[in-house]
PDB file of N, CA and C in Angstrom:
ATOM      1  N   UNK A   1     -27.371  38.358 -70.018  1.00  0.00           N
ATOM      2  CA  UNK A   1     -26.201  37.763 -68.781  1.00  0.00           C
ATOM      3  C   UNK A   1     -24.932  37.889 -69.202  1.00  0.00           C
ATOM      4  N   UNK A   2     -24.693  37.141 -70.226  1.00  0.00           N
ATOM      5  CA  UNK A   2     -23.320  37.486 -70.805  1.00  0.00           C
ATOM      6  C   UNK A   2     -22.872  38.560 -71.500  1.00  0.00           C
ATOM      7  N   UNK A   3     -23.760  39.465 -71.912  1.00  0.00           N
ATOM      8  CA  UNK A   3     -23.341  40.090 -72.178  1.00  0.00           C
ATOM      9  C   UNK A   3     -22.706  42.065 -71.331  1.00  0.00           C
ATOM     10  N   UNK A   4     -23.598  41.321 -69.929  1.00  0.00           N
ATOM     11  CA  UNK A   4     -22.652  41.881 -68.721  1.00  0.00           C
ATOM     12  C   UNK A   4     -21.405  41.722 -68.225  1.00  0.00           C
ATOM     13  N   UNK A   5     -20.810  40.976 -68.708  1.00  0.00           N
ATOM     14  CA  UNK A   5     -19.394  40.099 -68.429  1.00  0.00           C
ATOM     15  C   UNK A   5     -18.270  41.008 -68.833  1.00  0.00           C
ATOM     16  N   UNK A   6     -17.409  41.298 -68.004  1.00  0.00           N
ATOM     17  CA  UNK A   6     -16.340  42.349 -68.416  1.00  0.00           C
ATOM     18  C   UNK A   6     -15.471  41.403 -68.788  1.00  0.00           C
ATOM     19  N   UNK A   7     -14.625  41.700 -70.038  1.00  0.00           N
ATOM     20  CA  UNK A   7     -13.472  40.748 -70.813  1.00  0.00           C
ATOM     21  C   UNK A   7     -12.322  41.010 -69.608  1.00  0.00           C
ATOM     22  N   UNK A   8     -12.003  39.734 -69.922  1.00  0.00           N
ATOM     23  CA  UNK A   8     -10.098  39.380 -68.853  1.00  0.00           C
ATOM     24  C   UNK A   8      -9.544  38.887 -69.651  1.00  0.00           C
ATOM     25  N   UNK A   9      -8.191  39.135 -69.830  1.00  0.00           N
ATOM     26  CA  UNK A   9      -7.177  38.155 -70.478  1.00  0.00           C
ATOM     27  C   UNK A   9      -6.559  37.960 -69.449  1.00  0.00           C
ATOM     28  N   UNK A  10      -6.177  36.242 -69.347  1.00  0.00           N
ATOM     29  CA  UNK A  10      -5.384  35.783 -68.488  1.00  0.00           C
ATOM     30  C   UNK A  10      -4.200  35.382 -69.117  1.00  0.00           C
ATOM     31  N   UNK A  11      -2.984  36.010 -68.595  1.00  0.00           N
ATOM     32  CA  UNK A  11      -1.893  35.199 -68.816  1.00  0.00           C
ATOM     33  C   UNK A  11      -1.554  33.726 -68.340  1.00  0.00           C
ATOM     34  N   UNK A  12      -0.481  32.946 -68.842  1.00  0.00           N
ATOM     35  CA  UNK A  12      -0.452  31.673 -68.052  1.00  0.00           C
ATOM     36  C   UNK A  12       0.575  31.902 -66.300  1.00  0.00           C
ATOM     37  N   UNK A  13       0.926  32.920 -66.449  1.00  0.00           N
ATOM     38  CA  UNK A  13       1.646  33.248 -65.261  1.00  0.00           C
ATOM     39  C   UNK A  13       0.553  33.260 -63.961  1.00  0.00           C
ATOM     40  N   UNK A  14      -0.194  34.170 -64.398  1.00  0.00           N
ATOM     41  CA  UNK A  14      -1.577  34.580 -63.753  1.00  0.00           C
ATOM     42  C   UNK A  14      -2.252  33.463 -63.491  1.00  0.00           C
ATOM     43  N   UNK A  15      -2.769  32.848 -64.070  1.00  0.00           N
ATOM     44  CA  UNK A  15      -3.562  31.783 -64.439  1.00  0.00           C
ATOM     45  C   UNK A  15      -2.949  30.373 -63.607  1.00  0.00           C
ATOM     46  N   UNK A  16      -1.680  30.500 -63.356  1.00  0.00           N
ATOM     47  CA  UNK A  16      -0.987  29.356 -62.433  1.00  0.00           C
ATOM     48  C   UNK A  16      -0.848  29.598 -61.069  1.00  0.00           C
ATOM     49  N   UNK A  17      -0.977  31.001 -60.939  1.00  0.00           N
ATOM     50  CA  UNK A  17      -0.830  31.266 -59.488  1.00  0.00           C
ATOM     51  C   UNK A  17      -1.775  31.501 -58.830  1.00  0.00           C
ATOM     52  N   UNK A  18      -3.103  31.569 -59.659  1.00  0.00           N
ATOM     53  CA  UNK A  18      -4.230  31.629 -59.029  1.00  0.00           C
ATOM     54  C   UNK A  18      -4.767  30.226 -58.957  1.00  0.00           C
ATOM     55  N   UNK A  19      -4.407  29.227 -59.725  1.00  0.00           N
ATOM     56  CA  UNK A  19      -4.947  27.536 -59.458  1.00  0.00           C
ATOM     57  C   UNK A  19      -3.834  27.295 -58.224  1.00  0.00           C
ATOM     58  N   UNK A  20      -2.788  27.550 -58.296  1.00  0.00           N
ATOM     59  CA  UNK A  20      -1.518  26.953 -57.037  1.00  0.00           C
ATOM     60  C   UNK A  20      -2.372  28.161 -55.566  1.00  0.00           C
ATOM     61  N   UNK A  21      -2.847  29.188 -55.807  1.00  0.00           N
ATOM     62  CA  UNK A  21      -3.348  29.803 -54.394  1.00  0.00           C
ATOM     63  C   UNK A  21      -4.554  28.723 -54.161  1.00  0.00           C
ATOM     64  N   UNK A  22      -5.262  28.810 -55.267  1.00  0.00           N
ATOM     65  CA  UNK A  22      -6.871  27.775 -54.515  1.00  0.00           C
ATOM     66  C   UNK A  22      -6.641  26.391 -53.908  1.00  0.00           C
ATOM     67  N   UNK A  23      -5.498  25.690 -54.663  1.00  0.00           N
ATOM     68  CA  UNK A  23      -4.899  24.029 -54.182  1.00  0.00           C
ATOM     69  C   UNK A  23      -4.182  24.329 -52.861  1.00  0.00           C
ATOM     70  N   UNK A  24      -3.712  25.686 -52.380  1.00  0.00           N
ATOM     71  CA  UNK A  24      -2.769  25.796 -51.044  1.00  0.00           C
ATOM     72  C   UNK A  24      -4.396  26.158 -50.409  1.00  0.00           C
ATOM     73  N   UNK A  25      -5.160  27.098 -50.361  1.00  0.00           N
ATOM     74  CA  UNK A  25      -6.256  27.040 -49.454  1.00  0.00           C
ATOM     75  C   UNK A  25      -6.910  25.412 -49.681  1.00  0.00           C
ATOM     76  N   UNK A  26      -7.334  24.613 -50.575  1.00  0.00           N
ATOM     77  CA  UNK A  26      -7.568  23.612 -50.766  1.00  0.00           C
ATOM     78  C   UNK A  26      -6.988  22.457 -49.646  1.00  0.00           C
ATOM     79  N   UNK A  27      -5.923  22.757 -49.506  1.00  0.00           N
ATOM     80  CA  UNK A  27      -5.111  21.687 -48.849  1.00  0.00           C
ATOM     81  C   UNK A  27      -5.267  21.931 -47.309  1.00  0.00           C
ATOM     82  N   UNK A  28      -5.293  23.151 -47.181  1.00  0.00           N
ATOM     83  CA  UNK A  28      -5.701  23.591 -45.658  1.00  0.00           C
ATOM     84  C   UNK A  28      -6.754  23.037 -44.759  1.00  0.00           C
ATOM     85  N   UNK A  29      -7.835  23.401 -45.900  1.00  0.00           N
ATOM     86  CA  UNK A  29      -9.047  22.397 -45.882  1.00  0.00           C
ATOM     87  C   UNK A  29      -9.326  21.537 -45.519  1.00  0.00           C
ATOM     88  N   UNK A  30      -8.102  20.606 -46.412  1.00  0.00           N
ATOM     89  CA  UNK A  30      -8.156  19.159 -46.033  1.00  0.00           C
ATOM     90  C   UNK A  30      -7.420  18.908 -44.775  1.00  0.00           C
ATOM     91  N   UNK A  31      -6.527  19.915 -44.306  1.00  0.00           N
ATOM     92  CA  UNK A  31      -5.963  19.666 -43.022  1.00  0.00           C
ATOM     93  C   UNK A  31      -7.017  19.684 -42.064  1.00  0.00           C
ATOM     94  N   UNK A  32      -7.678  20.731 -42.079  1.00  0.00           N
ATOM     95  CA  UNK A  32      -8.756  20.876 -40.738  1.00  0.00           C
ATOM     96  C   UNK A  32      -9.592  20.039 -41.034  1.00  0.00           C
ATOM     97  N   UNK A  33     -10.307  19.454 -41.962  1.00  0.00           N
ATOM     98  CA  UNK A  33     -10.896  18.389 -42.044  1.00  0.00           C
ATOM     99  C   UNK A  33     -11.238  16.852 -41.311  1.00  0.00           C
ATOM    100  N   UNK A  34      -9.065  16.952 -41.491  1.00  0.00           N
ATOM    101  CA  UNK A  34      -8.809  16.281 -40.834  1.00  0.00           C
ATOM    102  C   UNK A  34      -8.921  15.819 -39.318  1.00  0.00           C
ATOM    103  N   UNK A  35      -8.409  16.721 -39.037  1.00  0.00           N
ATOM    104  CA  UNK A  35      -7.769  17.559 -37.481  1.00  0.00           C
ATOM    105  C   UNK A  35      -9.527  17.434 -36.789  1.00  0.00           C
ATOM    106  N   UNK A  36     -10.658  17.680 -37.508  1.00  0.00           N
ATOM    107  CA  UNK A  36     -11.995  17.699 -37.328  1.00  0.00           C
ATOM    108  C   UNK A  36     -12.159  16.154 -37.006  1.00  0.00           C
ATOM    109  N   UNK A  37     -12.207  15.311 -38.026  1.00  0.00           N
ATOM    110  CA  UNK A  37     -12.130  14.021 -37.983  1.00  0.00           C
ATOM    111  C   UNK A  37     -11.717  13.510 -36.326  1.00  0.00           C
ATOM    112  N   UNK A  38     -10.276  13.447 -36.504  1.00  0.00           N
ATOM    113  CA  UNK A  38      -9.315  12.774 -35.529  1.00  0.00           C
ATOM    114  C   UNK A  38     -10.117  13.675 -34.047  1.00  0.00           C
ATOM    115  N   UNK A  39     -10.632  14.869 -34.313  1.00  0.00           N
ATOM    116  CA  UNK A  39     -11.093  15.113 -32.657  1.00  0.00           C
ATOM    117  C   UNK A  39     -12.294  14.688 -32.500  1.00  0.00           C
ATOM    118  N   UNK A  40     -13.111  14.327 -33.539  1.00  0.00           N
ATOM    119  CA  UNK A  40     -14.615  13.534 -32.968  1.00  0.00           C
ATOM    120  C   UNK A  40     -14.231  12.333 -32.407  1.00  0.00           C
ATOM    121  N   UNK A  41     -13.130  11.921 -32.153  1.00  0.00           N
ATOM    122  CA  UNK A  41     -13.250  10.716 -31.442  1.00  0.00           C
ATOM    123  C   UNK A  41     -12.496  10.529 -29.853  1.00  0.00           C
ATOM    124  N   UNK A  42     -12.223  11.842 -29.872  1.00  0.00           N
ATOM    125  CA  UNK A  42     -11.885  12.290 -28.479  1.00  0.00           C
ATOM    126  C   UNK A  42     -12.869  12.628 -27.783  1.00  0.00           C
ATOM    127  N   UNK A  43     -13.094  12.660 -26.559  1.00  0.00           N
ATOM    128  CA  UNK A  43     -14.596  12.967 -25.792  1.00  0.00           C
ATOM    129  C   UNK A  43     -13.787  14.379 -25.153  1.00  0.00           C
ATOM    130  N   UNK A  44     -14.698  15.626 -24.978  1.00  0.00           N
ATOM    131  CA  UNK A  44     -14.050  16.397 -24.504  1.00  0.00           C
ATOM    132  C   UNK A  44     -13.384  17.627 -25.458  1.00  0.00           C
ATOM    133  N   UNK A  45     -13.629  17.258 -27.104  1.00  0.00           N
ATOM    134  CA  UNK A  45     -13.001  17.752 -27.854  1.00  0.00           C
ATOM    135  C   UNK A  45     -14.414  18.961 -28.429  1.00  0.00           C
ATOM    136  N   UNK A  46     -15.433  19.247 -28.142  1.00  0.00           N
ATOM    137  CA  UNK A  46     -16.366  19.832 -28.681  1.00  0.00           C
ATOM    138  C   UNK A  46     -15.814  20.954 -29.056  1.00  0.00           C
ATOM    139  N   UNK A  47     -14.977  21.660 -28.197  1.00  0.00           N
ATOM    140  CA  UNK A  47     -14.546  23.033 -28.297  1.00  0.00           C
ATOM    141  C   UNK A  47     -13.426  23.370 -29.193  1.00  0.00           C
ATOM    142  N   UNK A  48     -12.714  22.492 -29.362  1.00  0.00           N
ATOM    143  CA  UNK A  48     -11.079  21.999 -30.370  1.00  0.00           C
ATOM    144  C   UNK A  48     -12.073  21.668 -32.014  1.00  0.00           C
ATOM    145  N   UNK A  49     -13.569  21.021 -32.065  1.00  0.00           N
ATOM    146  CA  UNK A  49     -13.979  20.770 -33.084  1.00  0.00           C
ATOM    147  C   UNK A  49     -14.479  22.266 -33.747  1.00  0.00           C
ATOM    148  N   UNK A  50     -15.228  22.443 -32.847  1.00  0.00           N
ATOM    149  CA  UNK A  50     -16.294  24.140 -33.342  1.00  0.00           C
ATOM    150  C   UNK A  50     -14.595  25.292 -33.866  1.00  0.00           C
ATOM    151  N   UNK A  51     -13.697  24.953 -32.872  1.00  0.00           N
ATOM    152  CA  UNK A  51     -12.346  25.963 -33.337  1.00  0.00           C
ATOM    153  C   UNK A  51     -11.897  25.450 -35.340  1.00  0.00           C
ATOM    154  N   UNK A  52     -12.071  24.327 -35.057  1.00  0.00           N
ATOM    155  CA  UNK A  52     -11.467  23.765 -36.484  1.00  0.00           C
ATOM    156  C   UNK A  52     -12.577  24.149 -37.751  1.00  0.00           C
ATOM    157  N   UNK A  53     -13.503  23.888 -37.295  1.00  0.00           N
ATOM    158  CA  UNK A  53     -14.292  24.083 -37.797  1.00  0.00           C
ATOM    159  C   UNK A  53     -15.082  25.972 -38.907  1.00  0.00           C
ATOM    160  N   UNK A  54     -14.397  26.134 -37.375  1.00  0.00           N
ATOM    161  CA  UNK A  54     -14.500  28.126 -37.694  1.00  0.00           C
ATOM    162  C   UNK A  54     -13.799  28.415 -38.770  1.00  0.00           C
ATOM    163  N   UNK A  55     -11.953  27.799 -38.489  1.00  0.00           N
ATOM    164  CA  UNK A  55     -11.169  28.427 -39.262  1.00  0.00           C
ATOM    165  C   UNK A  55     -11.330  27.579 -40.761  1.00  0.00           C
ATOM    166  N   UNK A  56     -11.686  26.527 -40.723  1.00  0.00           N
ATOM    167  CA  UNK A  56     -12.067  25.759 -42.300  1.00  0.00           C
ATOM    168  C   UNK A  56     -13.096  26.567 -43.061  1.00  0.00           C
ATOM    169  N   UNK A  57     -13.858  27.243 -42.185  1.00  0.00           N
ATOM    170  CA  UNK A  57     -15.116  27.976 -42.868  1.00  0.00           C
ATOM    171  C   UNK A  57     -14.508  29.423 -43.252  1.00  0.00           C
ATOM    172  N   UNK A  58     -13.649  29.785 -42.566  1.00  0.00           N
ATOM    173  CA  UNK A  58     -12.938  31.242 -42.763  1.00  0.00           C
ATOM    174  C   UNK A  58     -11.629  30.652 -44.443  1.00  0.00           C
ATOM    175  N   UNK A  59     -11.392  29.305 -44.082  1.00  0.00           N
ATOM    176  CA  UNK A  59     -10.649  29.274 -45.530  1.00  0.00           C
ATOM    177  C   UNK A  59     -11.268  29.512 -46.635  1.00  0.00           C
ATOM    178  N   UNK A  60     -12.698  28.699 -46.589  1.00  0.00           N
ATOM    179  CA  UNK A  60     -13.981  28.285 -47.717  1.00  0.00           C
ATOM    180  C   UNK A  60     -14.321  29.315 -48.201  1.00  0.00           C
ATOM    181  N   UNK A  61     -13.979  30.828 -46.871  1.00  0.00           N
ATOM    182  CA  UNK A  61     -14.830  32.176 -47.501  1.00  0.00           C
ATOM    183  C   UNK A  61     -13.886  32.723 -48.112  1.00  0.00           C
ATOM    184  N   UNK A  62     -12.373  32.578 -47.771  1.00  0.00           N
ATOM    185  CA  UNK A  62     -11.657  33.320 -48.700  1.00  0.00           C
ATOM    186  C   UNK A  62     -11.092  32.604 -49.918  1.00  0.00           C
ATOM    187  N   UNK A  63     -11.668  31.552 -50.139  1.00  0.00           N
ATOM    188  CA  UNK A  63     -11.439  30.914 -51.704  1.00  0.00           C
ATOM    189  C   UNK A  63     -12.514  31.164 -52.567  1.00  0.00           C
ATOM    190  N   UNK A  64     -13.424  31.223 -51.876  1.00  0.00           N
ATOM    191  CA  UNK A  64     -14.814  32.348 -52.955  1.00  0.00           C
ATOM    192  C   UNK A  64     -14.468  33.427 -52.956  1.00  0.00           C
ATOM    193  N   UNK A  65     -14.069  34.272 -51.952  1.00  0.00           N
ATOM    194  CA  UNK A  65     -13.749  35.868 -52.259  1.00  0.00           C
ATOM    195  C   UNK A  65     -12.431  35.850 -53.049  1.00  0.00           C
ATOM    196  N   UNK A  66     -11.466  34.846 -53.302  1.00  0.00           N
ATOM    197  CA  UNK A  66     -10.012  35.230 -54.126  1.00  0.00           C
ATOM    198  C   UNK A  66     -10.795  35.480 -55.431  1.00  0.00           C
ATOM    199  N   UNK A  67     -10.080  36.847 -55.994  1.00  0.00           N
ATOM    200  CA  UNK A  67     -10.357  37.049 -57.505  1.00  0.00           C
ATOM    201  C   UNK A  67      -8.999  37.361 -58.208  1.00  0.00           C
ATOM    202  N   UNK A  68      -9.369  36.237 -59.447  1.00  0.00           N
ATOM    203  CA  UNK A  68      -7.935  35.955 -60.469  1.00  0.00           C
ATOM    204  C   UNK A  68      -6.990  37.260 -60.809  1.00  0.00           C
ATOM    205  N   UNK A  69      -7.848  37.845 -60.931  1.00  0.00           N
ATOM    206  CA  UNK A  69      -7.148  39.455 -61.383  1.00  0.00           C
ATOM    207  C   UNK A  69      -6.521  40.128 -60.408  1.00  0.00           C
ATOM    208  N   UNK A  70      -6.623  39.894 -58.959  1.00  0.00           N
ATOM    209  CA  UNK A  70      -5.827  41.121 -58.097  1.00  0.00           C
ATOM    210  C   UNK A  70      -4.656  39.881 -57.536  1.00  0.00           C
ATOM    211  N   UNK A  71      -3.338  40.189 -58.463  1.00  0.00           N
ATOM    212  CA  UNK A  71      -2.482  39.255 -58.733  1.00  0.00           C
ATOM    213  C   UNK A  71      -1.707  39.387 -57.197  1.00  0.00           C
ATOM    214  N   UNK A  72      -1.714  40.648 -56.485  1.00  0.00           N
ATOM    215  CA  UNK A  72      -0.627  40.927 -55.234  1.00  0.00           C
ATOM    216  C   UNK A  72      -1.426  39.792 -54.014  1.00  0.00           C
ATOM    217  N   UNK A  73      -2.783  40.051 -53.937  1.00  0.00           N
ATOM    218  CA  UNK A  73      -3.444  38.997 -52.993  1.00  0.00           C
ATOM    219  C   UNK A  73      -3.627  37.859 -53.277  1.00  0.00           C
ATOM    220  N   UNK A  74      -3.528  37.119 -54.706  1.00  0.00           N
ATOM    221  CA  UNK A  74      -3.290  35.612 -55.211  1.00  0.00           C
ATOM    222  C   UNK A  74      -1.878  35.353 -54.219  1.00  0.00           C
ATOM    223  N   UNK A  75      -0.544  36.066 -54.853  1.00  0.00           N
ATOM    224  CA  UNK A  75       0.062  36.084 -54.148  1.00  0.00           C
ATOM    225  C   UNK A  75       0.752  35.700 -52.941  1.00  0.00           C
ATOM    226  N   UNK A  76       0.106  36.401 -51.871  1.00  0.00           N
ATOM    227  CA  UNK A  76       0.039  36.617 -50.601  1.00  0.00           C
ATOM    228  C   UNK A  76      -0.913  35.609 -50.248  1.00  0.00           C
ATOM    229  N   UNK A  77      -1.927  35.077 -50.571  1.00  0.00           N
ATOM    230  CA  UNK A  77      -2.639  34.009 -50.273  1.00  0.00           C
ATOM    231  C   UNK A  77      -1.847  32.718 -50.521  1.00  0.00           C
ATOM    232  N   UNK A  78      -1.418  32.400 -51.677  1.00  0.00           N
ATOM    233  CA  UNK A  78      -0.506  31.437 -51.870  1.00  0.00           C
ATOM    234  C   UNK A  78       0.592  31.311 -50.550  1.00  0.00           C
ATOM    235  N   UNK A  79       1.202  32.426 -50.480  1.00  0.00           N
ATOM    236  CA  UNK A  79       2.216  31.854 -49.514  1.00  0.00           C
ATOM    237  C   UNK A  79       1.600  31.717 -48.202  1.00  0.00           C
ATOM    238  N   UNK A  80       0.823  32.246 -47.553  1.00  0.00           N
ATOM    239  CA  UNK A  80       0.137  32.347 -46.710  1.00  0.00           C
ATOM    240  C   UNK A  80      -0.182  31.052 -45.944  1.00  0.00           C
ATOM    241  N   UNK A  81      -0.965  30.439 -47.285  1.00  0.00           N
ATOM    242  CA  UNK A  81      -1.632  29.309 -47.347  1.00  0.00           C
ATOM    243  C   UNK A  81      -0.543  28.006 -47.237  1.00  0.00           C
ATOM    244  N   UNK A  82       0.372  28.143 -48.369  1.00  0.00           N
ATOM    245  CA  UNK A  82       1.221  27.102 -47.742  1.00  0.00           C
ATOM    246  C   UNK A  82       1.934  27.001 -46.849  1.00  0.00           C
ATOM    247  N   UNK A  83       2.666  28.146 -46.122  1.00  0.00           N
ATOM    248  CA  UNK A  83       2.750  28.071 -45.033  1.00  0.00           C
ATOM    249  C   UNK A  83       2.108  27.375 -43.777  1.00  0.00           C
ATOM    250  N   UNK A  84       0.811  27.884 -43.905  1.00  0.00           N
ATOM    251  CA  UNK A  84      -0.053  27.200 -43.038  1.00  0.00           C
ATOM    252  C   UNK A  84      -0.366  25.908 -43.342  1.00  0.00           C
ATOM    253  N   UNK A  85      -0.413  25.276 -44.363  1.00  0.00           N
ATOM    254  CA  UNK A  85      -0.462  24.110 -44.467  1.00  0.00           C
ATOM    255  C   UNK A  85       1.168  23.195 -43.829  1.00  0.00           C
ATOM    256  N   UNK A  86       2.404  24.115 -44.175  1.00  0.00           N
ATOM    257  CA  UNK A  86       3.245  23.244 -43.689  1.00  0.00           C
ATOM    258  C   UNK A  86       3.233  23.018 -41.998  1.00  0.00           C
ATOM    259  N   UNK A  87       2.658  24.240 -41.347  1.00  0.00           N
ATOM    260  CA  UNK A  87       2.531  24.124 -39.863  1.00  0.00           C
ATOM    261  C   UNK A  87       1.640  22.958 -39.596  1.00  0.00           C
ATOM    262  N   UNK A  88       0.332  22.834 -40.033  1.00  0.00           N
ATOM    263  CA  UNK A  88      -0.690  21.791 -39.560  1.00  0.00           C
ATOM    264  C   UNK A  88      -0.337  20.773 -40.121  1.00  0.00           C
ATOM    265  N   UNK A  89       0.869  20.144 -40.793  1.00  0.00           N
ATOM    266  CA  UNK A  89       1.117  19.078 -41.254  1.00  0.00           C
ATOM    267  C   UNK A  89       2.687  18.798 -40.549  1.00  0.00           C
ATOM    268  N   UNK A  90       3.541  19.569 -40.119  1.00  0.00           N
ATOM    269  CA  UNK A  90       4.544  19.448 -38.933  1.00  0.00           C
ATOM    270  C   UNK A  90       3.673  18.970 -37.924  1.00  0.00           C
ATOM    271  N   UNK A  91       2.509  19.297 -37.472  1.00  0.00           N
ATOM    272  CA  UNK A  91       2.402  18.810 -35.970  1.00  0.00           C
ATOM    273  C   UNK A  91       1.516  17.412 -36.143  1.00  0.00           C
ATOM    274  N   UNK A  92       1.693  16.255 -37.245  1.00  0.00           N
ATOM    275  CA  UNK A  92       1.723  15.728 -37.215  1.00  0.00           C
ATOM    276  C   UNK A  92       0.284  14.990 -37.604  1.00  0.00           C
ATOM    277  N   UNK A  93       0.059  16.082 -38.598  1.00  0.00           N
ATOM    278  CA  UNK A  93      -1.175  15.125 -39.795  1.00  0.00           C
ATOM    279  C   UNK A  93      -0.940  14.320 -40.854  1.00  0.00           C
TER     280      UNK A  93
END
């Protein structure tokens, strides 16, 4: 199995950017989890909860599909998720 792995050399900038992108996604996943928890105590919030769960699952899927060697996508994801986290936290999380 190990023989089938292709070599990959990380530079420190690439590894830091990848980890920062993962952390940005994790922050958004956490924010949606908080919104779900808060909404669960509200009557009639089933649709809202379902939407938050859908959005959280999409984040988790993007995290799984993120490839460290795709530096352009890593940068895009990092910026997009940092902005989304700011939006979510500015709304009172």
